[in-house]
Protein backbone atom coordinates (compact mmCIF):
# COMPACT_ATOMS: atom_id res chain seq x y z
CA UNK A 1 -5.04 22.12 -12.84
CA UNK A 2 -6.77 23.25 -9.65
CA UNK A 3 -5.38 24.93 -6.56
CA UNK A 4 -2.45 23.33 -4.76
CA UNK A 5 -3.49 20.73 -2.22
CA UNK A 6 -3.23 21.72 1.43
CA UNK A 7 -2.16 18.94 3.79
CA UNK A 8 -4.87 18.39 6.41
CA UNK A 9 -2.30 17.71 9.17
CA UNK A 10 0.57 19.54 10.81
CA UNK A 11 4.06 17.96 10.72
CA UNK A 12 3.55 16.77 14.31
CA UNK A 13 0.20 15.21 13.41
CA UNK A 14 1.78 13.55 10.37
CA UNK A 15 4.46 11.97 12.58
CA UNK A 16 1.75 10.61 14.89
CA UNK A 17 -0.29 9.44 11.90
CA UNK A 18 2.70 7.57 10.47
CA UNK A 19 3.29 5.79 13.79
CA UNK A 20 -0.32 4.68 14.05
CA UNK A 21 -2.34 4.50 10.85
CA UNK A 22 0.37 4.27 8.19
CA UNK A 23 2.27 1.71 10.26
CA UNK A 24 -0.89 -0.38 10.61
CA UNK A 25 -1.36 -0.51 6.82
CA UNK A 26 2.28 -1.43 6.17
CA UNK A 27 2.39 -4.00 8.95
CA UNK A 28 -0.86 -5.70 7.91
CA UNK A 29 0.22 -5.76 4.27
CA UNK A 30 3.46 -7.59 5.10
CA UNK A 31 2.07 -9.83 7.84
CA UNK A 32 -0.73 -11.09 5.60
CA UNK A 33 1.57 -11.38 2.58
CA UNK A 34 4.05 -13.48 4.53
CA UNK A 35 1.50 -16.14 5.44
CA UNK A 36 -0.05 -16.45 1.98
CA UNK A 37 1.19 -19.22 -0.26
CA UNK A 38 2.06 -18.29 -3.85
CA UNK A 39 -0.82 -18.45 -6.31
CA UNK A 40 -3.68 -17.93 -3.89
CA UNK A 41 -7.18 -17.74 -5.31
CA UNK A 42 -10.76 -17.95 -4.16
CA UNK A 43 -13.51 -19.22 -3.78
CA UNK A 44 -12.15 -22.77 -3.50
CA UNK A 45 -9.66 -21.82 -0.87
CA UNK A 46 -10.36 -22.33 2.78
CA UNK A 47 -12.23 -19.50 4.48
CA UNK A 48 -9.20 -18.36 6.52
CA UNK A 49 -6.90 -18.25 3.48
CA UNK A 50 -9.50 -16.27 1.57
CA UNK A 51 -9.87 -13.82 4.47
CA UNK A 52 -6.11 -13.34 4.67
CA UNK A 53 -5.93 -12.83 0.90
CA UNK A 54 -8.66 -10.19 1.03
CA UNK A 55 -6.91 -8.45 3.91
CA UNK A 56 -3.65 -8.45 1.95
CA UNK A 57 -5.35 -6.94 -1.10
CA UNK A 58 -7.22 -4.29 0.90
CA UNK A 59 -4.03 -3.14 2.66
CA UNK A 60 -2.21 -3.16 -0.69
CA UNK A 61 -4.96 -1.00 -2.15
CA UNK A 62 -4.76 1.42 0.79
CA UNK A 63 -0.99 1.73 0.39
CA UNK A 64 -1.24 2.28 -3.36
CA UNK A 65 -3.90 4.95 -2.81
CA UNK A 66 -1.52 6.56 -0.30
CA UNK A 67 1.50 6.52 -2.63
CA UNK A 68 -0.29 7.01 -5.96
CA UNK A 69 -3.62 8.71 -5.21
CA UNK A 70 -4.39 9.96 -8.70
CA UNK A 71 -6.90 12.77 -9.09
CA UNK A 72 -9.44 11.61 -6.51
CA UNK A 73 -7.73 12.98 -3.37
CA UNK A 74 -10.21 14.26 -0.80
CA UNK A 75 -9.44 17.15 1.56
CA UNK A 76 -9.16 14.79 4.56
CA UNK A 77 -7.02 12.15 2.81
CA UNK A 78 -3.44 11.68 3.97
CA UNK A 79 -1.12 10.86 1.07
CA UNK A 80 2.61 10.26 0.66
CA UNK A 81 3.15 13.73 -0.83
CA UNK A 82 2.13 15.21 2.54
CA UNK A 83 5.39 13.83 3.98
CA UNK A 84 7.56 15.99 1.71
CA UNK A 85 8.30 19.66 2.28
CA UNK A 86 6.89 21.01 -0.97
CA UNK A 87 3.77 18.84 -0.57
CA UNK A 88 4.54 16.74 -3.62
CA UNK A 89 6.52 13.60 -4.31
CA UNK A 90 10.16 14.29 -5.21
CA UNK A 91 11.31 13.64 -8.80
CA UNK A 92 13.31 10.62 -7.58
CA UNK A 93 10.05 8.94 -6.55
CA UNK A 94 9.31 6.42 -9.26
CA UNK A 95 5.97 6.21 -11.04
CA UNK A 96 3.82 3.21 -10.25
CA UNK A 97 5.26 -0.01 -11.69
CA UNK A 98 3.24 -2.19 -14.03
CA UNK A 99 2.86 -4.97 -11.44
CA UNK A 100 1.51 -2.52 -8.85
CA UNK A 101 -0.74 -0.82 -11.39
CA UNK A 102 -2.18 -4.19 -12.44
CA UNK A 103 -2.58 -5.18 -8.78
CA UNK A 104 -4.37 -1.92 -8.01
CA UNK A 105 -6.84 -2.46 -10.85
CA UNK A 106 -7.44 -6.04 -9.71
CA UNK A 107 -7.91 -4.92 -6.11
CA UNK A 108 -10.52 -2.37 -7.17
CA UNK A 109 -12.34 -4.65 -9.58
CA UNK A 110 -12.05 -8.06 -7.93
CA UNK A 111 -12.04 -7.39 -4.20
CA UNK A 112 -13.19 -3.91 -3.21
CA UNK A 113 -16.18 -3.49 -5.52
CA UNK A 114 -18.89 -5.66 -6.98
CA UNK A 115 -18.21 -5.38 -10.70
CA UNK A 116 -18.56 -7.37 -13.89
CA UNK A 117 -14.74 -7.60 -13.90
CA UNK A 118 -14.72 -10.20 -11.12
CA UNK A 119 -13.33 -13.52 -12.31
CA UNK A 120 -15.65 -16.47 -11.74
CA UNK A 121 -14.72 -19.85 -10.35
CA UNK A 122 -11.11 -20.96 -10.04
CA UNK A 123 -9.74 -19.43 -13.26
CA UNK A 124 -5.93 -18.83 -13.37
CA UNK A 125 -6.54 -15.08 -13.79
CA UNK A 126 -7.92 -15.11 -10.27
CA UNK A 127 -4.62 -16.17 -8.65
CA UNK A 128 -2.68 -13.66 -6.57
CA UNK A 129 1.09 -13.98 -6.22
CA UNK A 130 2.05 -11.99 -3.09
CA UNK A 131 5.84 -12.23 -3.40
CA UNK A 132 6.39 -10.04 -6.50
CA UNK A 133 3.77 -7.56 -5.25
CA UNK A 134 5.56 -7.33 -1.90
CA UNK A 135 8.92 -6.88 -3.66
CA UNK A 136 7.60 -3.95 -5.70
CA UNK A 137 5.83 -2.40 -2.71
CA UNK A 138 9.00 -2.68 -0.65
CA UNK A 139 10.85 -0.58 -3.25
CA UNK A 140 8.21 2.15 -2.96
CA UNK A 141 8.06 2.17 0.84
CA UNK A 142 11.86 2.06 1.13
CA UNK A 143 12.20 5.07 -1.14
CA UNK A 144 9.50 6.86 0.85
CA UNK A 145 11.33 6.15 4.12
CA UNK A 146 14.63 7.34 2.65
CA UNK A 147 13.27 10.56 1.16
CA UNK A 148 10.41 11.70 3.43
CA UNK A 149 10.93 14.71 5.64
CA UNK A 150 12.14 13.67 9.10
CA UNK A 151 9.98 16.48 10.44
CA UNK A 152 6.91 14.72 9.06
CA UNK A 153 7.66 10.98 9.15
CA UNK A 154 8.21 9.48 12.59
CA UNK A 155 11.65 7.97 13.01
CA UNK A 156 9.92 5.09 14.80
CA UNK A 157 8.08 4.28 11.58
CA UNK A 158 11.36 4.01 9.67
CA UNK A 159 12.93 1.86 12.38
CA UNK A 160 9.93 -0.47 12.59
CA UNK A 161 9.79 -0.77 8.79
CA UNK A 162 13.45 -1.77 8.57
CA UNK A 163 12.96 -4.31 11.39
CA UNK A 164 9.93 -5.73 9.61
CA UNK A 165 11.88 -6.06 6.37
CA UNK A 166 14.65 -7.96 8.12
CA UNK A 167 12.03 -10.44 9.37
CA UNK A 168 10.38 -10.76 5.96
CA UNK A 169 13.67 -11.50 4.21
CA UNK A 170 14.50 -14.42 6.50
């Protein structure tokens, strides 16, 4: 194991980052997920639906890289662990669920990169079901909001997230 990671931002900068960049990722993930019907696929979907689906998947991928970065963290990356005092996720923070792990792999292989793992045509394996992915992601973000250091996570982020959730659950 290498040297301990040093957060690239001060607590004040992390608060500002959470209000701007982290909020953007969370907001776009939910806003695109809300408008997608269940079982969305491409390429036989209308252009707009396909664009919204890709946006949903890209923001999902960004959030999963934030919460579960693995070993590929760069010095200038901002990750969830930066929002906790010891610089690591607390033990109460759950490991990535199977549905999110599968979604992350699909996002990498079927949307973000040109690979041989892309599914051709309109095969059932190509369908995305936003609702269960959003449910699992909500658990992760909610835990993050509850446990993150208030010196590092902007209170406005937490407030806006809870407001967004109340709209999503309607």
